[in-house]
Structure formats: structure tokens, C-alpha cells
Amino acid sequence: MSASPRAADTATIIPLEAVDPAMIEEVLDRAFGPERHARTAYRIREGMAWLPGLSLAALDENDLLVATIQCWPVGLQTKQGQVPLVMVGPVAVVPERQGEGFGIGLMSAMIAEDARLAGARGPALPQVLIGDASYYGRWGFSAALTGGWRCPGPYEQDRLLARGTGLAAMPAEGMLGPWEG
């Protein structure tokens, strides 16, 4: 007897820009609650628009919106100037569909799309997020090089994670904030 496929295996991944903004907000509210706007990640990306090429949505087997991922242009503000990064998140899945693999599918699709886009434009920018290393570590996210980075609000240092080929060359210290480009 074979195992049944996970719901996310039948998901359709589409560009987030193809989704009604009100529906995106509804998914975010359901996943994180209306108080989500007070989170530190919102302060880091304040005033920025999400990146269309890397922000995606997942539709379930009935073509219902069940999950989204957004990526944002942010910067690490240092004494030498600003260094560009991509902030990943939120990765939002409606509560009744959590644990079915939609978040994993969106993360994997975003990273694949970032690699594809980087092939055309040059090296991909390092990515940063606030999350669980046990979950995001599967994609190479780690707190190993973010110990001197700060955020404009409360956060746990071990949850400030980054990944990317240029990460080792990043400044050891700085404040994360909106991209000022």
C-alpha cells in the first residue's frame, strides 16, 4: 500500500501579485493574528513593497488560497554604509492547513526562483529572516554569522537567521532596516 500524497504536493504555486491583496491580508491575519503588525519584522521592512519575483502563493487542490510567502528589500545599516539583503517572511499558512507542507513548498519554490533569477542578474543577495533554526536550517539558514546584527524591536538573537553565498563577507555588525536605495 503506498502512502497518500501530501496536500502540498498537489498545490499550485503562483506569483503573489496575481492574488487580491485583501485575500493576502486575510491569510496573514488568520495565520498570525491582527496583532502581527507589532512584530519586529514589520519594523525592519517598514515602508517597503514586497518583491514580486520572490513573493508567492499556494493554492490547494480546490484552487483556494491557503499559504503565502513574501520577500522584502532590506538593508544592514553599518558604519560603512548600507548592505542589501532580502528579508524572507512572513511564510503564512491558514491554521487548518498547517503541517501539510505548504510552507516547505513555498520556501523551496522561492529559493529555486531566487537561484533562477540570480543566474540572469548575478549572485543572489543574502537572505535574512526571524524564525526557528530547526525549521529554516533545511535551506541553509543559520544564526552563525548574525550575532552582531540588531533589529529595531524585540527579538531573540538565536532566531535571527541568514543564508547566502556572500554571507561570510557581510559586515559582522549592523542594524537591519528598510532598504534606503
N, C-alpha and C. Protein backbone atom coordinates (compact mmCIF):
# COMPACT_ATOMS: atom_id res chain seq x y z
N MET A 1 0.85 -1.18 0.00
CA MET A 1 0.00 0.00 0.00
C MET A 1 0.89 1.24 0.00
N SER A 2 0.67 2.15 -0.91
CA SER A 2 1.51 3.35 -0.99
C SER A 2 0.92 4.46 -0.13
N ALA A 3 1.80 5.33 0.30
CA ALA A 3 1.36 6.47 1.12
C ALA A 3 0.62 7.46 0.25
N SER A 4 -0.39 8.10 0.83
CA SER A 4 -1.12 9.11 0.07
C SER A 4 -0.25 10.36 -0.05
N PRO A 5 -0.40 11.09 -1.15
CA PRO A 5 0.42 12.30 -1.32
C PRO A 5 0.01 13.36 -0.31
N ARG A 6 1.00 14.15 0.10
CA ARG A 6 0.72 15.28 0.99
C ARG A 6 -0.07 16.31 0.20
N ALA A 7 -0.92 17.05 0.91
CA ALA A 7 -1.74 18.07 0.25
C ALA A 7 -0.88 19.06 -0.53
N ALA A 8 0.27 19.42 0.03
CA ALA A 8 1.12 20.41 -0.63
C ALA A 8 1.69 19.89 -1.94
N ASP A 9 1.74 18.56 -2.11
CA ASP A 9 2.26 18.01 -3.36
C ASP A 9 1.34 18.32 -4.54
N THR A 10 0.10 18.61 -4.25
CA THR A 10 -0.85 18.94 -5.32
C THR A 10 -1.12 20.45 -5.38
N ALA A 11 -0.37 21.22 -4.61
CA ALA A 11 -0.57 22.67 -4.58
C ALA A 11 -0.12 23.29 -5.90
N THR A 12 -0.75 24.40 -6.21
CA THR A 12 -0.36 25.21 -7.35
C THR A 12 0.32 26.46 -6.79
N ILE A 13 1.56 26.71 -7.21
CA ILE A 13 2.31 27.89 -6.77
C ILE A 13 2.15 28.96 -7.84
N ILE A 14 1.71 30.15 -7.41
CA ILE A 14 1.51 31.25 -8.34
C ILE A 14 2.20 32.51 -7.80
N PRO A 15 2.45 33.49 -8.66
CA PRO A 15 3.01 34.76 -8.17
C PRO A 15 2.02 35.43 -7.21
N LEU A 16 2.52 35.98 -6.12
CA LEU A 16 1.65 36.63 -5.15
C LEU A 16 0.93 37.82 -5.77
N GLU A 17 1.55 38.46 -6.75
CA GLU A 17 0.93 39.61 -7.39
C GLU A 17 -0.36 39.24 -8.13
N ALA A 18 -0.62 37.94 -8.35
CA ALA A 18 -1.85 37.50 -9.01
C ALA A 18 -3.00 37.34 -8.01
N VAL A 19 -2.74 37.60 -6.72
CA VAL A 19 -3.74 37.40 -5.67
C VAL A 19 -4.27 38.75 -5.20
N ASP A 20 -5.55 38.82 -4.96
CA ASP A 20 -6.19 40.02 -4.42
C ASP A 20 -5.53 40.37 -3.08
N PRO A 21 -5.06 41.60 -2.91
CA PRO A 21 -4.41 41.99 -1.65
C PRO A 21 -5.25 41.73 -0.40
N ALA A 22 -6.57 41.86 -0.50
CA ALA A 22 -7.43 41.59 0.66
C ALA A 22 -7.35 40.12 1.06
N MET A 23 -7.21 39.24 0.10
CA MET A 23 -7.09 37.81 0.40
C MET A 23 -5.75 37.51 1.07
N ILE A 24 -4.69 38.20 0.64
CA ILE A 24 -3.38 38.03 1.27
C ILE A 24 -3.47 38.46 2.74
N GLU A 25 -4.08 39.61 2.99
CA GLU A 25 -4.22 40.10 4.36
C GLU A 25 -5.03 39.13 5.22
N GLU A 26 -6.06 38.53 4.63
CA GLU A 26 -6.87 37.57 5.38
C GLU A 26 -6.04 36.35 5.78
N VAL A 27 -5.22 35.83 4.87
CA VAL A 27 -4.36 34.70 5.20
C VAL A 27 -3.38 35.08 6.31
N LEU A 28 -2.77 36.27 6.20
CA LEU A 28 -1.83 36.72 7.22
C LEU A 28 -2.51 36.88 8.58
N ASP A 29 -3.71 37.47 8.60
CA ASP A 29 -4.44 37.63 9.86
C ASP A 29 -4.79 36.27 10.46
N ARG A 30 -5.22 35.35 9.63
CA ARG A 30 -5.60 34.03 10.14
C ARG A 30 -4.38 33.27 10.66
N ALA A 31 -3.24 33.42 9.99
CA ALA A 31 -2.04 32.69 10.40
C ALA A 31 -1.37 33.31 11.63
N PHE A 32 -1.36 34.64 11.72
CA PHE A 32 -0.59 35.31 12.77
C PHE A 32 -1.40 36.21 13.69
N GLY A 33 -2.66 36.46 13.37
CA GLY A 33 -3.48 37.33 14.18
C GLY A 33 -3.33 38.78 13.77
N PRO A 34 -4.32 39.60 14.09
CA PRO A 34 -4.27 41.00 13.68
C PRO A 34 -3.17 41.80 14.39
N GLU A 35 -2.63 41.30 15.48
CA GLU A 35 -1.54 42.00 16.19
C GLU A 35 -0.18 41.80 15.51
N ARG A 36 -0.17 41.08 14.40
CA ARG A 36 1.08 40.78 13.69
C ARG A 36 1.84 42.04 13.29
N HIS A 37 1.16 43.16 13.08
CA HIS A 37 1.80 44.40 12.65
C HIS A 37 2.75 44.97 13.70
N ALA A 38 2.66 44.51 14.94
CA ALA A 38 3.54 44.98 16.01
C ALA A 38 4.86 44.20 16.05
N ARG A 39 4.99 43.17 15.25
CA ARG A 39 6.20 42.35 15.26
C ARG A 39 7.40 43.10 14.71
N THR A 40 8.56 42.73 15.19
CA THR A 40 9.82 43.37 14.78
C THR A 40 10.04 43.28 13.28
N ALA A 41 9.68 42.18 12.66
CA ALA A 41 9.88 42.02 11.21
C ALA A 41 9.18 43.13 10.43
N TYR A 42 8.04 43.59 10.93
CA TYR A 42 7.33 44.68 10.25
C TYR A 42 8.12 45.98 10.34
N ARG A 43 8.82 46.19 11.44
CA ARG A 43 9.65 47.39 11.58
C ARG A 43 10.85 47.34 10.64
N ILE A 44 11.42 46.17 10.46
CA ILE A 44 12.59 46.02 9.59
C ILE A 44 12.26 46.38 8.15
N ARG A 45 11.09 46.00 7.69
CA ARG A 45 10.72 46.23 6.28
C ARG A 45 9.72 47.38 6.11
N GLU A 46 9.58 48.20 7.11
CA GLU A 46 8.60 49.30 7.10
C GLU A 46 8.73 50.17 5.85
N GLY A 47 7.61 50.39 5.18
CA GLY A 47 7.58 51.26 4.01
C GLY A 47 8.00 50.58 2.71
N MET A 48 8.42 49.35 2.77
CA MET A 48 8.88 48.64 1.58
C MET A 48 7.71 47.87 0.95
N ALA A 49 7.78 47.67 -0.34
CA ALA A 49 6.85 46.79 -1.05
C ALA A 49 7.53 45.44 -1.21
N TRP A 50 6.76 44.37 -1.12
CA TRP A 50 7.38 43.05 -1.28
C TRP A 50 7.89 42.87 -2.71
N LEU A 51 8.84 41.98 -2.85
CA LEU A 51 9.49 41.72 -4.14
C LEU A 51 8.63 40.78 -4.98
N PRO A 52 8.10 41.24 -6.09
CA PRO A 52 7.19 40.41 -6.88
C PRO A 52 7.78 39.07 -7.33
N GLY A 53 9.01 39.05 -7.77
CA GLY A 53 9.59 37.81 -8.28
C GLY A 53 9.78 36.72 -7.24
N LEU A 54 9.89 37.10 -5.98
CA LEU A 54 10.16 36.12 -4.93
C LEU A 54 8.98 35.90 -3.99
N SER A 55 7.92 36.64 -4.16
CA SER A 55 6.75 36.52 -3.29
C SER A 55 5.71 35.66 -4.01
N LEU A 56 5.27 34.60 -3.33
CA LEU A 56 4.47 33.56 -3.97
C LEU A 56 3.25 33.20 -3.13
N ALA A 57 2.32 32.49 -3.74
CA ALA A 57 1.13 31.99 -3.05
C ALA A 57 0.92 30.53 -3.42
N ALA A 58 0.28 29.80 -2.51
CA ALA A 58 -0.07 28.40 -2.76
C ALA A 58 -1.58 28.25 -2.77
N LEU A 59 -2.07 27.62 -3.82
CA LEU A 59 -3.48 27.27 -3.93
C LEU A 59 -3.60 25.76 -3.69
N ASP A 60 -4.62 25.36 -2.94
CA ASP A 60 -4.79 23.94 -2.67
C ASP A 60 -5.45 23.22 -3.85
N GLU A 61 -5.81 21.97 -3.63
CA GLU A 61 -6.39 21.14 -4.69
C GLU A 61 -7.73 21.70 -5.20
N ASN A 62 -8.36 22.59 -4.43
CA ASN A 62 -9.61 23.22 -4.84
C ASN A 62 -9.40 24.66 -5.33
N ASP A 63 -8.15 25.02 -5.58
CA ASP A 63 -7.76 26.37 -6.01
C ASP A 63 -8.10 27.44 -4.98
N LEU A 64 -8.09 27.07 -3.70
CA LEU A 64 -8.28 28.04 -2.62
C LEU A 64 -6.93 28.50 -2.12
N LEU A 65 -6.81 29.79 -1.84
CA LEU A 65 -5.57 30.34 -1.31
C LEU A 65 -5.36 29.82 0.11
N VAL A 66 -4.26 29.10 0.34
CA VAL A 66 -4.00 28.54 1.66
C VAL A 66 -2.69 29.00 2.27
N ALA A 67 -1.80 29.60 1.47
CA ALA A 67 -0.50 30.00 2.02
C ALA A 67 0.15 31.06 1.14
N THR A 68 0.99 31.88 1.78
CA THR A 68 1.74 32.90 1.05
C THR A 68 3.15 33.00 1.63
N ILE A 69 4.06 33.51 0.81
CA ILE A 69 5.40 33.88 1.26
C ILE A 69 5.71 35.23 0.63
N GLN A 70 6.28 36.12 1.44
CA GLN A 70 6.67 37.42 0.93
C GLN A 70 8.16 37.62 1.20
N CYS A 71 8.82 38.30 0.28
CA CYS A 71 10.23 38.67 0.43
C CYS A 71 10.34 40.18 0.22
N TRP A 72 11.26 40.80 0.94
CA TRP A 72 11.35 42.26 1.01
C TRP A 72 12.78 42.75 0.82
N PRO A 73 12.95 43.91 0.20
CA PRO A 73 14.29 44.51 0.13
C PRO A 73 14.59 45.22 1.46
N VAL A 74 15.62 44.77 2.13
CA VAL A 74 16.03 45.40 3.39
C VAL A 74 17.53 45.66 3.33
N GLY A 75 18.02 46.35 4.33
CA GLY A 75 19.44 46.64 4.37
C GLY A 75 20.01 46.43 5.76
N LEU A 76 21.26 46.10 5.81
CA LEU A 76 22.01 46.06 7.06
C LEU A 76 22.75 47.39 7.12
N GLN A 77 22.33 48.27 8.03
CA GLN A 77 22.93 49.58 8.17
C GLN A 77 24.21 49.43 9.00
N THR A 78 25.34 49.82 8.42
CA THR A 78 26.63 49.71 9.09
C THR A 78 27.33 51.07 9.10
N LYS A 79 28.43 51.15 9.81
CA LYS A 79 29.22 52.39 9.83
C LYS A 79 29.76 52.72 8.45
N GLN A 80 29.97 51.70 7.61
CA GLN A 80 30.50 51.90 6.26
C GLN A 80 29.40 52.13 5.24
N GLY A 81 28.14 52.04 5.64
CA GLY A 81 27.03 52.21 4.70
C GLY A 81 26.06 51.05 4.80
N GLN A 82 25.18 51.00 3.84
CA GLN A 82 24.11 50.01 3.82
C GLN A 82 24.49 48.82 2.94
N VAL A 83 24.17 47.62 3.40
CA VAL A 83 24.42 46.41 2.63
C VAL A 83 23.06 45.76 2.34
N PRO A 84 22.77 45.47 1.05
CA PRO A 84 21.45 44.93 0.70
C PRO A 84 21.27 43.47 1.11
N LEU A 85 20.06 43.16 1.52
CA LEU A 85 19.63 41.81 1.86
C LEU A 85 18.20 41.61 1.38
N VAL A 86 17.77 40.38 1.35
CA VAL A 86 16.37 40.05 1.12
C VAL A 86 15.83 39.48 2.41
N MET A 87 14.76 40.08 2.94
CA MET A 87 14.12 39.54 4.13
C MET A 87 13.02 38.60 3.69
N VAL A 88 13.07 37.38 4.19
CA VAL A 88 12.09 36.35 3.87
C VAL A 88 11.03 36.32 4.97
N GLY A 89 9.79 36.34 4.56
CA GLY A 89 8.69 36.20 5.50
C GLY A 89 7.80 37.42 5.52
N PRO A 90 6.62 37.21 5.94
CA PRO A 90 6.14 36.01 6.60
C PRO A 90 5.86 34.87 5.62
N VAL A 91 6.04 33.67 6.15
CA VAL A 91 5.56 32.46 5.49
C VAL A 91 4.27 32.12 6.25
N ALA A 92 3.14 32.31 5.61
CA ALA A 92 1.85 32.17 6.28
C ALA A 92 1.04 31.03 5.68
N VAL A 93 0.51 30.18 6.54
CA VAL A 93 -0.36 29.09 6.13
C VAL A 93 -1.61 29.17 7.00
N VAL A 94 -2.79 29.10 6.39
CA VAL A 94 -4.02 29.16 7.18
C VAL A 94 -4.00 28.03 8.21
N PRO A 95 -4.50 28.28 9.42
CA PRO A 95 -4.36 27.32 10.52
C PRO A 95 -4.82 25.89 10.20
N GLU A 96 -5.93 25.74 9.51
CA GLU A 96 -6.44 24.39 9.26
C GLU A 96 -5.61 23.60 8.24
N ARG A 97 -4.65 24.25 7.57
CA ARG A 97 -3.81 23.55 6.59
C ARG A 97 -2.35 23.50 7.01
N GLN A 98 -2.03 23.99 8.21
CA GLN A 98 -0.65 23.95 8.69
C GLN A 98 -0.23 22.50 8.91
N GLY A 99 1.05 22.24 8.69
CA GLY A 99 1.59 20.89 8.85
C GLY A 99 1.42 20.01 7.63
N GLU A 100 0.87 20.56 6.55
CA GLU A 100 0.64 19.76 5.34
C GLU A 100 1.72 19.99 4.28
N GLY A 101 2.72 20.84 4.58
CA GLY A 101 3.83 21.03 3.66
C GLY A 101 3.74 22.26 2.77
N PHE A 102 2.72 23.09 2.95
CA PHE A 102 2.60 24.28 2.10
C PHE A 102 3.75 25.27 2.35
N GLY A 103 4.14 25.45 3.60
CA GLY A 103 5.26 26.34 3.92
C GLY A 103 6.56 25.84 3.30
N ILE A 104 6.80 24.56 3.41
CA ILE A 104 8.01 23.95 2.82
C ILE A 104 7.99 24.14 1.30
N GLY A 105 6.83 23.93 0.70
CA GLY A 105 6.71 24.09 -0.75
C GLY A 105 6.98 25.52 -1.19
N LEU A 106 6.45 26.49 -0.45
CA LEU A 106 6.67 27.89 -0.80
C LEU A 106 8.13 28.29 -0.60
N MET A 107 8.73 27.87 0.50
CA MET A 107 10.15 28.20 0.74
C MET A 107 11.01 27.61 -0.37
N SER A 108 10.78 26.35 -0.70
CA SER A 108 11.58 25.70 -1.74
C SER A 108 11.39 26.37 -3.09
N ALA A 109 10.15 26.75 -3.42
CA ALA A 109 9.87 27.42 -4.69
C ALA A 109 10.53 28.80 -4.72
N MET A 110 10.49 29.53 -3.61
CA MET A 110 11.10 30.86 -3.56
C MET A 110 12.61 30.75 -3.74
N ILE A 111 13.24 29.80 -3.07
CA ILE A 111 14.70 29.66 -3.18
C ILE A 111 15.08 29.23 -4.60
N ALA A 112 14.30 28.37 -5.21
CA ALA A 112 14.57 27.97 -6.59
C ALA A 112 14.41 29.16 -7.54
N GLU A 113 13.38 29.97 -7.32
CA GLU A 113 13.16 31.15 -8.16
C GLU A 113 14.28 32.17 -7.96
N ASP A 114 14.73 32.35 -6.72
CA ASP A 114 15.83 33.26 -6.44
C ASP A 114 17.09 32.81 -7.17
N ALA A 115 17.37 31.52 -7.17
CA ALA A 115 18.54 30.99 -7.87
C ALA A 115 18.40 31.20 -9.38
N ARG A 116 17.19 30.99 -9.90
CA ARG A 116 16.95 31.19 -11.34
C ARG A 116 17.15 32.66 -11.71
N LEU A 117 16.59 33.56 -10.91
CA LEU A 117 16.74 34.99 -11.18
C LEU A 117 18.19 35.43 -11.03
N ALA A 118 18.88 34.88 -10.05
CA ALA A 118 20.28 35.24 -9.84
C ALA A 118 21.14 34.83 -11.03
N GLY A 119 20.78 33.74 -11.68
CA GLY A 119 21.53 33.31 -12.85
C GLY A 119 21.51 34.36 -13.94
N ALA A 120 20.45 35.13 -14.01
CA ALA A 120 20.32 36.17 -15.03
C ALA A 120 20.94 37.50 -14.59
N ARG A 121 20.97 37.77 -13.30
CA ARG A 121 21.40 39.09 -12.83
C ARG A 121 22.71 39.08 -12.07
N GLY A 122 23.24 37.92 -11.76
CA GLY A 122 24.45 37.83 -10.96
C GLY A 122 24.16 37.17 -9.62
N PRO A 123 25.09 37.20 -8.70
CA PRO A 123 24.91 36.49 -7.43
C PRO A 123 23.65 36.93 -6.69
N ALA A 124 22.98 35.97 -6.08
CA ALA A 124 21.80 36.27 -5.27
C ALA A 124 22.21 37.01 -4.01
N LEU A 125 21.36 37.90 -3.55
CA LEU A 125 21.62 38.60 -2.29
C LEU A 125 21.43 37.64 -1.13
N PRO A 126 22.18 37.82 -0.05
CA PRO A 126 21.93 37.02 1.14
C PRO A 126 20.51 37.26 1.63
N GLN A 127 19.95 36.24 2.26
CA GLN A 127 18.60 36.32 2.78
C GLN A 127 18.63 36.27 4.31
N VAL A 128 17.69 36.96 4.93
CA VAL A 128 17.60 37.03 6.38
C VAL A 128 16.14 36.81 6.78
N LEU A 129 15.92 36.23 7.95
CA LEU A 129 14.58 36.07 8.49
C LEU A 129 14.66 35.92 10.00
N ILE A 130 13.52 36.05 10.63
CA ILE A 130 13.40 35.77 12.06
C ILE A 130 12.54 34.53 12.17
N GLY A 131 13.13 33.44 12.66
CA GLY A 131 12.40 32.17 12.71
C GLY A 131 13.16 31.09 13.44
N ASP A 132 12.64 29.88 13.36
CA ASP A 132 13.23 28.73 14.04
C ASP A 132 14.31 28.08 13.19
N ALA A 133 15.51 27.99 13.75
CA ALA A 133 16.62 27.36 13.03
C ALA A 133 16.32 25.90 12.71
N SER A 134 15.58 25.23 13.57
CA SER A 134 15.27 23.82 13.33
C SER A 134 14.42 23.64 12.08
N TYR A 135 13.60 24.61 11.75
CA TYR A 135 12.76 24.55 10.54
C TYR A 135 13.51 25.10 9.33
N TYR A 136 14.05 26.33 9.45
CA TYR A 136 14.66 27.00 8.31
C TYR A 136 16.08 26.53 8.01
N GLY A 137 16.67 25.79 8.91
CA GLY A 137 18.01 25.25 8.68
C GLY A 137 18.09 24.33 7.47
N ARG A 138 17.00 23.70 7.12
CA ARG A 138 17.00 22.78 5.96
C ARG A 138 17.34 23.51 4.66
N TRP A 139 17.18 24.85 4.65
CA TRP A 139 17.53 25.66 3.47
C TRP A 139 18.83 26.43 3.70
N GLY A 140 19.57 26.11 4.74
CA GLY A 140 20.85 26.76 5.00
C GLY A 140 20.79 27.99 5.86
N PHE A 141 19.63 28.32 6.42
CA PHE A 141 19.54 29.48 7.33
C PHE A 141 20.18 29.12 8.66
N SER A 142 20.94 30.07 9.20
CA SER A 142 21.67 29.85 10.44
C SER A 142 21.89 31.18 11.15
N ALA A 143 22.08 31.11 12.45
CA ALA A 143 22.41 32.30 13.24
C ALA A 143 23.91 32.45 13.42
N ALA A 144 24.70 31.62 12.76
CA ALA A 144 26.15 31.59 12.96
C ALA A 144 26.83 32.94 12.69
N LEU A 145 26.34 33.71 11.73
CA LEU A 145 27.00 34.96 11.36
C LEU A 145 26.17 36.21 11.65
N THR A 146 25.08 36.06 12.40
CA THR A 146 24.21 37.21 12.66
C THR A 146 24.31 37.72 14.11
N GLY A 147 25.25 37.23 14.87
CA GLY A 147 25.36 37.59 16.28
C GLY A 147 25.56 39.07 16.55
N GLY A 148 26.16 39.80 15.62
CA GLY A 148 26.38 41.23 15.79
C GLY A 148 25.33 42.09 15.10
N TRP A 149 24.35 41.46 14.48
CA TRP A 149 23.29 42.19 13.81
C TRP A 149 22.20 42.52 14.84
N ARG A 150 21.56 43.67 14.66
CA ARG A 150 20.50 44.07 15.57
C ARG A 150 19.22 44.34 14.79
N CYS A 151 18.12 44.33 15.51
CA CYS A 151 16.80 44.60 14.93
C CYS A 151 16.13 45.73 15.71
N PRO A 152 15.26 46.50 15.04
CA PRO A 152 14.57 47.63 15.69
C PRO A 152 13.33 47.18 16.46
N GLY A 153 13.52 46.37 17.45
CA GLY A 153 12.40 45.89 18.26
C GLY A 153 12.81 44.59 18.93
N PRO A 154 11.92 44.03 19.72
CA PRO A 154 12.27 42.80 20.43
C PRO A 154 12.44 41.60 19.50
N TYR A 155 13.43 40.79 19.78
CA TYR A 155 13.66 39.55 19.03
C TYR A 155 14.64 38.71 19.85
N GLU A 156 14.69 37.44 19.54
CA GLU A 156 15.65 36.54 20.16
C GLU A 156 16.81 36.37 19.19
N GLN A 157 18.02 36.66 19.64
CA GLN A 157 19.19 36.65 18.76
C GLN A 157 19.36 35.32 18.02
N ASP A 158 19.08 34.21 18.67
CA ASP A 158 19.26 32.91 18.02
C ASP A 158 18.20 32.63 16.95
N ARG A 159 17.18 33.49 16.83
CA ARG A 159 16.15 33.36 15.80
C ARG A 159 16.41 34.27 14.60
N LEU A 160 17.45 35.10 14.68
CA LEU A 160 17.83 35.95 13.55
C LEU A 160 18.76 35.13 12.66
N LEU A 161 18.21 34.64 11.56
CA LEU A 161 18.88 33.67 10.70
C LEU A 161 19.19 34.27 9.33
N ALA A 162 20.26 33.80 8.73
CA ALA A 162 20.63 34.26 7.39
C ALA A 162 21.22 33.11 6.59
N ARG A 163 21.17 33.27 5.27
CA ARG A 163 21.77 32.29 4.35
C ARG A 163 22.23 33.03 3.11
N GLY A 164 23.17 32.43 2.39
CA GLY A 164 23.60 33.01 1.12
C GLY A 164 25.08 32.85 0.91
N THR A 165 25.48 32.85 -0.36
CA THR A 165 26.88 32.65 -0.70
C THR A 165 27.75 33.81 -0.26
N GLY A 166 27.22 35.02 -0.22
CA GLY A 166 28.01 36.18 0.18
C GLY A 166 27.94 36.49 1.66
N LEU A 167 27.34 35.61 2.43
CA LEU A 167 27.11 35.88 3.85
C LEU A 167 28.40 36.05 4.63
N ALA A 168 29.41 35.26 4.35
CA ALA A 168 30.67 35.35 5.09
C ALA A 168 31.36 36.70 4.89
N ALA A 169 31.08 37.37 3.78
CA ALA A 169 31.68 38.68 3.51
C ALA A 169 30.85 39.83 4.07
N MET A 170 29.71 39.52 4.67
CA MET A 170 28.84 40.56 5.23
C MET A 170 29.49 41.16 6.47
N PRO A 171 29.16 42.42 6.77
CA PRO A 171 29.67 43.02 8.00
C PRO A 171 29.20 42.24 9.22
N ALA A 172 30.05 42.20 10.23
CA ALA A 172 29.73 41.46 11.45
C ALA A 172 28.73 42.19 12.32
N GLU A 173 28.60 43.51 12.13
CA GLU A 173 27.70 44.30 12.97
C GLU A 173 26.86 45.24 12.11
N GLY A 174 25.65 45.51 12.59
CA GLY A 174 24.79 46.45 11.89
C GLY A 174 23.36 46.33 12.37
N MET A 175 22.55 47.27 11.90
CA MET A 175 21.12 47.31 12.26
C MET A 175 20.30 47.02 11.01
N LEU A 176 19.38 46.07 11.11
CA LEU A 176 18.50 45.75 9.98
C LEU A 176 17.39 46.80 9.88
N GLY A 177 17.07 47.17 8.66
CA GLY A 177 16.01 48.14 8.44
C GLY A 177 15.61 48.18 6.98
N PRO A 178 14.65 49.03 6.65
CA PRO A 178 14.22 49.15 5.26
C PRO A 178 15.38 49.55 4.34
N TRP A 179 15.32 49.07 3.11
CA TRP A 179 16.33 49.44 2.11
C TRP A 179 16.18 50.91 1.78
N GLU A 180 17.26 51.62 1.82
CA GLU A 180 17.25 53.05 1.52
C GLU A 180 17.98 53.30 0.22
N GLY A 181 17.45 52.76 -0.86
CA GLY A 181 18.14 52.82 -2.13
C GLY A 181 17.64 53.84 -3.08
